[in-house]
Amino acid sequence: MDNYEYLSAIDERKDWLDGIADYLWDHPELAFREYKSAECLCAALRQEGFEVETGLAGIETAFSGRFGSGKPVVGILGEFDALNGLCQTAGALEPDGGSRTPGQGCGHNLLGMGSLAAAIAVKRYLEAHPGAGTVIYYGCPGEEGGSGKGFMARDGVFDGLDAALCWHPGDTTAVRTHLSLANYQILYRFEGKPSHAGAAPEMGRSALDAVELMNVGVNFLREHMISDARIHYAIIDAGGNSPNVVQGHAEVLYLIRAPENSQVEALYGRVCRIAQGAALMTETKESHEFIKACSNVVPNEPMQRMLYDKMTQIAPPSPTEEDLAFCRQLTERALSDSPKADPENPIHWALQPYAPEAQKTGSTDVGDVSWVCPTAQISTATLAVGTPGHSWQVTTQGKMHLAHEMTRYAGKILAAGAVELMNDPDLLERIRQDFRARVGKGYVPPIPREVHYSAAAAVLQGK
């Protein structure tokens, strides 16, 4: 369609953009508390001439930056939250150990910057083509365990979009065609009766016993659910540190996953009945709180194919010898147990062939956006192949030269895709038709209206 001149906006801001990614890495913040990260990105958007709106869906760290006018309106999704317990020295070949502070263990410092780069390049195009459309950068907090986009989608933040584009750091360069799992996160509480465990055990009713029995019951449930479903738990309050006191209170946090929202809802009912049974067995009282949820991803074949075409036309950058040397050492020292690790060729930077849709067992709140408007994603190889997600190995690679280069490349692909959507009405119509065929009656938010994001924030902050 054109010579991609507008992508030079990213190259011209190379050092500035890399600095933003590093700032987000240096200031890791947990879900819905990403105050420094959000302010950094908002300041960057204002500096570039975007109209910034904060407090989207009532969330302090959710924001948008808008530029342009008219249709189509293309959203570019950015994330920036960190994971607990993954603080790590950059460029290290072994874990620091001991730290339980947050770290960028999923590469969201790169995700936020790459999407920002894309928005800036689209702005450059729109400056030369007034009225061709509108680009909106969405600052989406709390992806890690908070489903920030789920709250935003429930409250209508994405309703005006014709399409949404996003990406994620990874260990390959590809269009993301895989499907995700929907999920619910539920906090179960048990109230019992404390007593002296030695002198008067018959007087006590153990809330911790109820939690343990619930976990056993759910373990038996696993044999009787579909193979693609997953149920995870974490005991977040075991009732104290005194074994000679019968625990009068205990809490367990459950994450229930399945390929479709309706399947999660059905499993949720069964898990609740197990919790009620555990309370009956222990003569305790059970209650539960809905924390958050996210929907499964709805793919969009025409938009994915379009992004793949852009990735064939715009070649990814080659890794340097320094990148290769570091990733070889990391592979030998810290990734040897990974079945995907490749000591000879540790960076799989070249574009992977377009792959058919396949079910994966992870979850993402991008799914909720994909039910509201056509959505497509890519990944680029910011990591040594075989790097496990949510790990110190991800964090240690977050400021590498390779990470910066492949992040800016992701921005170029998203920008080129957005401009294509603004210039090909036939493509946009095929995308809409595919979307309508897949979503049927449309989006039903899995997060109940009365659930507030602060519940997820409190759980993730350990409060």
Protein backbone atom coordinates (compact mmCIF):
# COMPACT_ATOMS: atom_id res chain seq x y z
CA MET A 1 0.00 0.00 0.00
CA ASP A 2 2.85 2.41 0.82
CA ASN A 3 6.54 2.48 1.64
CA TYR A 4 6.06 2.49 5.41
CA GLU A 5 7.73 5.89 5.73
CA TYR A 6 5.73 6.61 8.87
CA LEU A 7 7.55 3.78 10.67
CA SER A 8 10.63 6.03 10.76
CA ALA A 9 8.94 7.72 13.73
CA ILE A 10 9.96 4.68 15.77
CA ASP A 11 13.58 4.69 14.60
CA GLU A 12 13.88 8.40 15.30
CA ARG A 13 12.79 7.81 18.92
CA LYS A 14 14.85 4.67 19.46
CA ASP A 15 16.75 5.76 22.55
CA TRP A 16 13.74 7.49 24.09
CA LEU A 17 11.52 4.44 23.61
CA ASP A 18 14.14 2.06 24.97
CA GLY A 19 14.47 4.37 27.97
CA ILE A 20 10.74 4.08 28.65
CA ALA A 21 10.94 0.29 28.58
CA ASP A 22 13.87 0.37 30.98
CA TYR A 23 12.07 2.81 33.30
CA LEU A 24 9.12 0.41 33.51
CA TRP A 25 11.57 -2.44 34.20
CA ASP A 26 13.27 -0.37 36.91
CA HIS A 27 9.94 0.45 38.59
CA PRO A 28 8.01 -2.86 38.70
CA GLU A 29 4.54 -2.43 40.16
CA LEU A 30 1.79 -4.93 40.88
CA ALA A 31 -1.70 -4.91 39.41
CA PHE A 32 -3.71 -1.69 39.79
CA ARG A 33 -0.88 -0.02 41.69
CA GLU A 34 1.21 0.87 38.63
CA TYR A 35 1.28 4.58 39.43
CA LYS A 36 4.80 5.37 38.23
CA SER A 37 4.43 3.23 35.11
CA ALA A 38 1.10 4.77 34.15
CA GLU A 39 2.38 8.30 34.70
CA CYS A 40 5.47 7.58 32.61
CA LEU A 41 3.37 6.35 29.67
CA CYS A 42 0.81 9.15 30.02
CA ALA A 43 3.62 11.72 30.00
CA ALA A 44 5.03 10.13 26.85
CA LEU A 45 1.64 10.26 25.13
CA ARG A 46 1.13 13.91 26.06
CA GLN A 47 4.62 14.76 24.83
CA GLU A 48 3.72 13.18 21.48
CA GLY A 49 0.51 15.15 21.16
CA PHE A 50 -2.08 12.54 22.14
CA GLU A 51 -5.25 13.47 23.97
CA VAL A 52 -4.91 11.58 27.26
CA GLU A 53 -7.80 10.39 29.42
CA THR A 54 -7.15 8.77 32.80
CA GLY A 55 -9.23 6.80 35.27
CA LEU A 56 -10.94 4.63 32.66
CA ALA A 57 -13.61 2.34 34.14
CA GLY A 58 -12.89 3.99 37.49
CA ILE A 59 -9.43 2.38 37.62
CA GLU A 60 -6.72 4.83 38.68
CA THR A 61 -4.03 3.37 36.42
CA ALA A 62 -6.17 2.74 33.32
CA PHE A 63 -5.83 5.40 30.63
CA SER A 64 -5.96 6.12 26.92
CA GLY A 65 -4.19 8.35 24.41
CA ARG A 66 -6.17 9.37 21.31
CA PHE A 67 -5.05 10.92 18.03
CA GLY A 68 -6.82 11.49 14.72
CA SER A 69 -10.44 11.76 13.67
CA GLY A 70 -13.08 9.70 11.97
CA LYS A 71 -13.38 6.02 11.28
CA PRO A 72 -12.07 3.42 11.55
CA VAL A 73 -11.04 3.64 15.17
CA VAL A 74 -8.16 1.28 15.92
CA GLY A 75 -7.10 0.47 19.47
CA ILE A 76 -3.58 -0.58 20.42
CA LEU A 77 -3.38 -2.35 23.77
CA GLY A 78 -0.53 -1.73 26.19
CA GLU A 79 0.34 -3.40 29.50
CA PHE A 80 2.91 -2.54 32.16
CA ASP A 81 2.25 -4.46 35.38
CA ALA A 82 4.81 -6.74 37.06
CA LEU A 83 4.71 -10.06 38.91
CA ASN A 84 5.32 -10.60 42.60
CA GLY A 85 8.56 -12.20 43.75
CA LEU A 86 10.42 -11.84 40.44
CA CYS A 87 12.85 -9.01 41.17
CA GLN A 88 16.09 -9.87 39.41
CA THR A 89 19.32 -8.26 38.24
CA ALA A 90 19.28 -7.57 34.51
CA GLY A 91 21.72 -9.57 32.41
CA ALA A 92 22.45 -12.15 35.13
CA LEU A 93 22.95 -15.85 34.41
CA GLU A 94 21.56 -17.09 37.72
CA PRO A 95 18.75 -16.01 40.06
CA ASP A 96 19.46 -13.41 42.71
CA GLY A 97 17.59 -15.40 45.33
CA GLY A 98 15.92 -14.13 48.45
CA SER A 99 13.96 -11.24 46.99
CA ARG A 100 10.19 -11.36 47.04
CA THR A 101 9.65 -7.93 45.51
CA PRO A 102 8.01 -7.48 42.09
CA GLY A 103 9.79 -7.91 38.79
CA GLN A 104 8.95 -7.76 35.09
CA GLY A 105 8.67 -11.53 34.74
CA CYS A 106 6.31 -11.42 31.76
CA GLY A 107 7.93 -8.63 29.78
CA HIS A 108 5.19 -6.05 30.22
CA ASN A 109 7.75 -3.26 30.35
CA LEU A 110 8.41 -4.15 26.70
CA LEU A 111 4.74 -4.65 25.88
CA GLY A 112 3.86 -1.17 27.07
CA MET A 113 6.67 0.44 25.11
CA GLY A 114 6.12 -1.54 21.89
CA SER A 115 2.46 -0.60 21.77
CA LEU A 116 3.38 3.03 22.47
CA ALA A 117 5.83 2.92 19.56
CA ALA A 118 3.05 1.61 17.32
CA ALA A 119 0.68 4.41 18.32
CA ILE A 120 3.35 7.04 17.65
CA ALA A 121 4.01 5.64 14.16
CA VAL A 122 0.29 5.61 13.34
CA LYS A 123 0.10 9.21 14.52
CA ARG A 124 2.87 10.07 12.05
CA TYR A 125 0.76 8.53 9.28
CA LEU A 126 -2.39 10.38 10.37
CA GLU A 127 -0.57 13.69 10.41
CA ALA A 128 0.08 13.18 6.69
CA HIS A 129 -3.43 11.82 6.04
CA PRO A 130 -5.95 13.81 8.12
CA GLY A 131 -9.32 12.15 8.57
CA ALA A 132 -8.05 8.67 7.66
CA GLY A 133 -9.03 7.34 11.07
CA THR A 134 -8.32 7.41 14.79
CA VAL A 135 -5.74 5.55 16.84
CA ILE A 136 -6.14 5.01 20.59
CA TYR A 137 -3.41 3.67 22.85
CA TYR A 138 -4.99 1.88 25.83
CA GLY A 139 -3.01 1.64 29.04
CA CYS A 140 -4.39 -1.58 30.50
CA PRO A 141 -3.38 -2.29 34.11
CA GLY A 142 -3.57 -5.49 36.09
CA GLU A 143 -3.27 -8.17 33.43
CA GLU A 144 -1.42 -10.42 35.86
CA GLY A 145 -4.16 -11.84 38.02
CA GLY A 146 -6.32 -8.74 37.88
CA SER A 147 -8.02 -8.88 34.46
CA GLY A 148 -7.89 -5.13 34.05
CA LYS A 149 -9.20 -5.34 30.48
CA GLY A 150 -12.09 -7.43 31.75
CA PHE A 151 -13.22 -4.59 34.03
CA MET A 152 -12.61 -2.08 31.23
CA ALA A 153 -14.57 -4.15 28.71
CA ARG A 154 -17.43 -4.68 31.16
CA ASP A 155 -17.70 -0.91 31.60
CA GLY A 156 -17.72 -0.18 27.86
CA VAL A 157 -14.22 1.27 27.42
CA PHE A 158 -13.62 -0.57 24.12
CA ASP A 159 -17.14 -0.25 22.68
CA GLY A 160 -16.23 2.34 20.04
CA LEU A 161 -13.41 0.35 18.44
CA ASP A 162 -13.49 -1.09 14.94
CA ALA A 163 -10.49 -3.28 15.75
CA ALA A 164 -7.82 -3.81 18.38
CA LEU A 165 -4.18 -4.84 17.97
CA CYS A 166 -1.73 -6.08 20.55
CA TRP A 167 1.41 -8.13 21.00
CA HIS A 168 3.38 -9.97 23.64
CA PRO A 169 7.09 -10.60 24.21
CA GLY A 170 8.03 -14.23 23.62
CA ASP A 171 10.68 -16.63 22.40
CA THR A 172 9.48 -16.76 18.79
CA THR A 173 8.39 -14.25 16.17
CA ALA A 174 4.90 -15.13 14.95
CA VAL A 175 1.24 -14.26 14.71
CA ARG A 176 -0.47 -15.49 17.86
CA THR A 177 -3.21 -17.79 16.60
CA HIS A 178 -3.61 -19.88 19.73
CA LEU A 179 -6.72 -19.87 21.86
CA SER A 180 -6.69 -19.04 25.56
CA LEU A 181 -8.67 -20.27 28.55
CA ALA A 182 -11.38 -18.23 30.21
CA ASN A 183 -11.13 -18.09 33.98
CA TYR A 184 -12.72 -17.09 37.27
CA GLN A 185 -10.76 -16.22 40.40
CA ILE A 186 -12.63 -16.82 43.66
CA LEU A 187 -11.61 -16.32 47.28
CA TYR A 188 -13.09 -18.90 49.67
CA ARG A 189 -13.23 -18.12 53.39
CA PHE A 190 -13.95 -20.50 56.25
CA GLU A 191 -14.86 -19.48 59.79
CA GLY A 192 -14.48 -22.02 62.55
CA LYS A 193 -13.95 -21.93 66.30
CA PRO A 194 -10.49 -21.59 67.85
CA SER A 195 -9.57 -23.57 70.95
CA HIS A 196 -6.57 -25.05 72.73
CA ALA A 197 -5.48 -27.86 70.41
CA GLY A 198 -4.05 -29.92 73.28
CA ALA A 199 -6.30 -29.21 76.28
CA ALA A 200 -9.68 -28.81 74.55
CA PRO A 201 -9.51 -30.00 70.91
CA GLU A 202 -13.15 -31.09 71.05
CA MET A 203 -14.16 -27.45 71.45
CA GLY A 204 -12.49 -26.34 68.23
CA ARG A 205 -13.78 -26.32 64.66
CA SER A 206 -10.86 -25.98 62.28
CA ALA A 207 -11.18 -23.61 59.33
CA LEU A 208 -7.86 -24.95 58.03
CA ASP A 209 -9.30 -28.47 58.03
CA ALA A 210 -12.10 -27.14 55.85
CA VAL A 211 -9.62 -25.63 53.39
CA GLU A 212 -7.66 -28.88 53.21
CA LEU A 213 -10.79 -30.95 52.71
CA MET A 214 -11.95 -28.56 50.01
CA ASN A 215 -8.63 -28.98 48.22
CA VAL A 216 -8.93 -32.76 48.44
CA GLY A 217 -12.46 -32.59 47.05
CA VAL A 218 -11.37 -30.45 44.14
CA ASN A 219 -8.55 -32.89 43.47
CA PHE A 220 -11.15 -35.64 42.99
CA LEU A 221 -13.13 -33.28 40.73
CA ARG A 222 -10.18 -33.04 38.35
CA GLU A 223 -10.87 -36.58 37.10
CA HIS A 224 -14.38 -35.53 36.12
CA MET A 225 -13.84 -32.36 34.12
CA ILE A 226 -12.80 -31.78 30.53
CA SER A 227 -9.11 -32.29 29.85
CA ASP A 228 -8.55 -28.67 28.72
CA ALA A 229 -9.81 -27.27 32.03
CA ARG A 230 -7.49 -26.32 34.88
CA ILE A 231 -8.08 -25.58 38.57
CA HIS A 232 -5.33 -24.01 40.70
CA TYR A 233 -5.28 -22.82 44.30
CA ALA A 234 -3.16 -20.97 46.83
CA ILE A 235 -3.75 -20.97 50.58
CA ILE A 236 -3.36 -17.30 51.44
CA ASP A 237 -4.33 -17.50 55.12
CA ALA A 238 -3.64 -20.76 56.94
CA GLY A 239 -4.99 -19.50 60.24
CA GLY A 240 -1.85 -18.47 62.07
CA ASN A 241 1.51 -19.85 63.14
CA SER A 242 0.56 -21.67 66.34
CA PRO A 243 -0.01 -25.40 65.89
CA ASN A 244 -1.42 -25.63 69.42
CA VAL A 245 -4.36 -23.41 68.47
CA VAL A 246 -7.20 -24.78 66.35
CA GLN A 247 -7.37 -22.41 63.37
CA GLY A 248 -10.54 -20.38 63.55
CA HIS A 249 -10.15 -18.67 60.15
CA ALA A 250 -8.60 -19.71 56.84
CA GLU A 251 -8.74 -18.57 53.22
CA VAL A 252 -7.90 -20.18 49.90
CA LEU A 253 -7.78 -18.48 46.50
CA TYR A 254 -8.94 -20.51 43.50
CA LEU A 255 -8.37 -19.96 39.78
CA ILE A 256 -10.76 -21.95 37.60
CA ARG A 257 -10.01 -22.19 33.86
CA ALA A 258 -11.71 -23.73 30.83
CA PRO A 259 -11.89 -23.01 27.08
CA GLU A 260 -15.22 -21.17 27.30
CA ASN A 261 -16.90 -18.90 29.84
CA SER A 262 -19.89 -21.24 30.17
CA GLN A 263 -17.59 -24.15 31.07
CA VAL A 264 -15.88 -22.05 33.74
CA GLU A 265 -19.27 -21.09 35.15
CA ALA A 266 -20.26 -24.76 35.42
CA LEU A 267 -17.00 -25.69 37.16
CA TYR A 268 -17.39 -22.73 39.50
CA GLY A 269 -20.70 -24.13 40.68
CA ARG A 270 -19.14 -27.51 41.36
CA VAL A 271 -16.20 -26.00 43.26
CA CYS A 272 -18.62 -23.97 45.37
CA ARG A 273 -20.55 -27.11 46.28
CA ILE A 274 -17.30 -28.81 47.31
CA ALA A 275 -16.53 -25.82 49.55
CA GLN A 276 -19.98 -26.10 51.10
CA GLY A 277 -19.39 -29.80 51.68
CA ALA A 278 -16.07 -29.11 53.37
CA ALA A 279 -17.83 -26.66 55.68
CA LEU A 280 -20.45 -29.27 56.55
CA MET A 281 -17.79 -31.87 57.35
CA THR A 282 -15.95 -29.50 59.69
CA GLU A 283 -18.94 -27.63 61.14
CA THR A 284 -17.51 -24.36 59.90
CA LYS A 285 -19.07 -21.54 57.91
CA GLU A 286 -18.11 -20.95 54.28
CA SER A 287 -18.35 -17.78 52.21
CA HIS A 288 -16.74 -16.76 48.95
CA GLU A 289 -15.94 -13.59 47.04
CA PHE A 290 -15.77 -13.24 43.26
CA ILE A 291 -12.42 -11.53 42.61
CA LYS A 292 -12.10 -11.30 38.82
CA ALA A 293 -12.61 -13.15 35.53
CA CYS A 294 -11.52 -13.07 31.94
CA SER A 295 -12.95 -14.47 28.73
CA ASN A 296 -11.38 -16.77 26.19
CA VAL A 297 -9.76 -15.17 23.13
CA VAL A 298 -11.87 -14.96 19.97
CA PRO A 299 -9.46 -15.19 17.01
CA ASN A 300 -9.95 -13.26 13.79
CA GLU A 301 -8.54 -15.04 10.75
CA PRO A 302 -8.56 -12.14 8.24
CA MET A 303 -6.81 -9.78 10.65
CA GLN A 304 -4.27 -12.40 11.69
CA ARG A 305 -3.46 -13.09 8.02
CA MET A 306 -3.05 -9.37 7.40
CA LEU A 307 -0.56 -9.08 10.27
CA TYR A 308 1.33 -12.09 8.96
CA ASP A 309 1.62 -10.39 5.57
CA LYS A 310 3.06 -7.32 7.29
CA MET A 311 5.60 -9.51 9.09
CA THR A 312 6.71 -11.00 5.78
CA GLN A 313 7.09 -7.53 4.26
CA ILE A 314 8.88 -5.93 7.23
CA ALA A 315 11.77 -8.17 8.23
CA PRO A 316 12.65 -8.62 11.90
CA PRO A 317 16.06 -7.39 13.06
CA SER A 318 18.86 -9.93 13.33
CA PRO A 319 20.40 -10.55 16.76
CA THR A 320 23.91 -9.31 17.40
CA GLU A 321 26.81 -11.54 18.36
CA GLU A 322 26.49 -10.16 21.88
CA ASP A 323 22.81 -11.17 21.98
CA LEU A 324 23.67 -14.67 20.79
CA ALA A 325 26.55 -15.06 23.22
CA PHE A 326 24.45 -14.07 26.24
CA CYS A 327 21.53 -16.29 25.23
CA ARG A 328 23.87 -19.26 24.69
CA GLN A 329 25.28 -18.80 28.18
CA LEU A 330 21.81 -18.40 29.67
CA THR A 331 20.63 -21.51 27.85
CA GLU A 332 23.54 -23.55 29.19
CA ARG A 333 23.30 -22.20 32.72
CA ALA A 334 19.58 -21.73 33.28
CA LEU A 335 17.48 -23.26 30.50
CA SER A 336 19.00 -26.72 30.11
CA ASP A 337 15.87 -28.38 31.50
CA SER A 338 13.60 -26.74 28.92
CA PRO A 339 12.60 -29.11 26.09
CA LYS A 340 12.51 -26.14 23.70
CA ALA A 341 15.97 -24.85 24.54
CA ASP A 342 18.36 -24.59 21.60
CA PRO A 343 22.02 -24.12 22.68
CA GLU A 344 23.26 -23.80 19.09
CA ASN A 345 20.62 -21.33 17.94
CA PRO A 346 19.27 -19.81 21.16
CA ILE A 347 17.34 -16.97 19.49
CA HIS A 348 14.53 -17.98 17.13
CA TRP A 349 14.14 -14.48 15.75
CA ALA A 350 13.02 -15.33 12.19
CA LEU A 351 9.31 -15.28 11.36
CA GLN A 352 7.56 -18.58 12.08
CA PRO A 353 5.11 -20.01 9.52
CA TYR A 354 1.48 -19.09 10.01
CA ALA A 355 0.01 -21.72 12.34
CA PRO A 356 -3.56 -23.01 12.64
CA GLU A 357 -5.58 -22.25 15.74
CA ALA A 358 -4.71 -24.42 18.72
CA GLN A 359 -5.87 -24.50 22.32
CA LYS A 360 -3.38 -23.28 24.90
CA THR A 361 -3.68 -23.48 28.67
CA GLY A 362 -2.84 -19.88 29.58
CA SER A 363 -5.27 -17.02 30.03
CA THR A 364 -5.29 -13.36 29.06
CA ASP A 365 -7.76 -10.53 29.50
CA VAL A 366 -7.19 -9.68 25.84
CA GLY A 367 -9.97 -12.23 25.49
CA ASP A 368 -12.53 -9.75 26.79
CA VAL A 369 -11.48 -7.16 24.20
CA SER A 370 -11.76 -9.81 21.47
CA TRP A 371 -15.43 -10.32 22.35
CA VAL A 372 -16.09 -6.58 22.01
CA CYS A 373 -14.30 -5.93 18.70
CA PRO A 374 -12.11 -7.83 16.23
CA THR A 375 -8.73 -8.38 17.86
CA ALA A 376 -5.42 -9.87 16.72
CA GLN A 377 -2.04 -10.40 18.35
CA ILE A 378 1.57 -11.08 17.44
CA SER A 379 4.69 -12.05 19.37
CA THR A 380 8.35 -11.28 18.78
CA ALA A 381 11.45 -13.07 20.04
CA THR A 382 12.62 -10.88 22.89
CA LEU A 383 13.79 -13.98 24.81
CA ALA A 384 16.03 -16.99 24.35
CA VAL A 385 13.97 -19.88 23.05
CA GLY A 386 12.75 -22.14 25.83
CA THR A 387 12.55 -19.37 28.44
CA PRO A 388 9.70 -20.30 30.80
CA GLY A 389 7.02 -17.68 31.33
CA HIS A 390 6.69 -15.88 34.66
CA SER A 391 10.28 -16.63 35.64
CA TRP A 392 13.46 -14.88 36.73
CA GLN A 393 14.89 -15.82 33.33
CA VAL A 394 12.30 -13.57 31.68
CA THR A 395 13.13 -10.73 34.05
CA THR A 396 16.88 -10.96 33.51
CA GLN A 397 16.44 -10.55 29.74
CA GLY A 398 14.10 -7.55 30.01
CA LYS A 399 16.71 -4.87 29.28
CA MET A 400 18.72 -6.71 26.63
CA HIS A 401 19.60 -5.14 23.28
CA LEU A 402 17.61 -7.97 21.67
CA ALA A 403 14.56 -7.15 23.79
CA HIS A 404 14.64 -3.51 22.74
CA GLU A 405 15.13 -4.28 19.05
CA MET A 406 12.35 -6.86 18.86
CA THR A 407 10.01 -4.63 20.86
CA ARG A 408 10.39 -1.77 18.42
CA TYR A 409 9.90 -4.26 15.59
CA ALA A 410 6.61 -5.33 17.19
CA GLY A 411 5.60 -1.67 17.25
CA LYS A 412 6.28 -1.38 13.53
CA ILE A 413 4.12 -4.40 12.70
CA LEU A 414 1.20 -3.17 14.80
CA ALA A 415 1.47 0.29 13.23
CA ALA A 416 1.56 -1.13 9.72
CA GLY A 417 -1.47 -3.26 10.56
CA ALA A 418 -3.41 -0.30 11.92
CA VAL A 419 -2.68 1.78 8.81
CA GLU A 420 -3.76 -1.11 6.60
CA LEU A 421 -7.08 -1.25 8.43
CA MET A 422 -7.54 2.46 7.79
CA ASN A 423 -6.96 2.06 4.06
CA ASP A 424 -8.68 -1.19 3.09
CA PRO A 425 -12.45 -1.10 3.67
CA ASP A 426 -12.91 -4.50 2.02
CA LEU A 427 -10.47 -6.06 4.47
CA LEU A 428 -12.21 -4.36 7.36
CA GLU A 429 -15.55 -5.74 6.22
CA ARG A 430 -14.14 -9.29 6.02
CA ILE A 431 -12.77 -8.81 9.52
CA ARG A 432 -16.19 -7.70 10.76
CA GLN A 433 -17.92 -10.65 9.13
CA ASP A 434 -15.48 -13.10 10.74
CA PHE A 435 -16.00 -11.39 14.10
CA ARG A 436 -19.80 -11.50 13.90
CA ALA A 437 -19.75 -15.17 12.94
CA ARG A 438 -17.60 -16.10 15.93
CA VAL A 439 -19.16 -14.06 18.73
CA GLY A 440 -22.80 -14.92 17.99
CA LYS A 441 -25.00 -12.97 20.38
CA GLY A 442 -22.05 -10.94 21.54
CA TYR A 443 -20.16 -10.19 24.71
CA VAL A 444 -21.53 -11.16 28.10
CA PRO A 445 -19.11 -9.82 30.72
CA PRO A 446 -18.00 -12.63 33.06
CA ILE A 447 -17.28 -10.15 35.87
CA PRO A 448 -20.51 -9.35 37.74
CA ARG A 449 -21.43 -5.67 37.79
CA GLU A 450 -21.09 -5.43 41.57
CA VAL A 451 -17.50 -6.73 41.63
CA HIS A 452 -14.93 -3.92 41.99
CA TYR A 453 -11.35 -4.12 40.76
CA SER A 454 -10.11 -3.21 44.24
CA ALA A 455 -10.85 -6.78 45.38
CA ALA A 456 -8.32 -8.12 42.87
CA ALA A 457 -5.87 -5.40 43.84
CA ALA A 458 -6.13 -6.31 47.52
CA VAL A 459 -5.58 -10.02 46.88
CA LEU A 460 -2.59 -9.38 44.64
CA GLN A 461 -1.07 -6.99 47.18
CA GLY A 462 -1.46 -9.62 49.88
CA LYS A 463 -3.93 -7.56 51.90
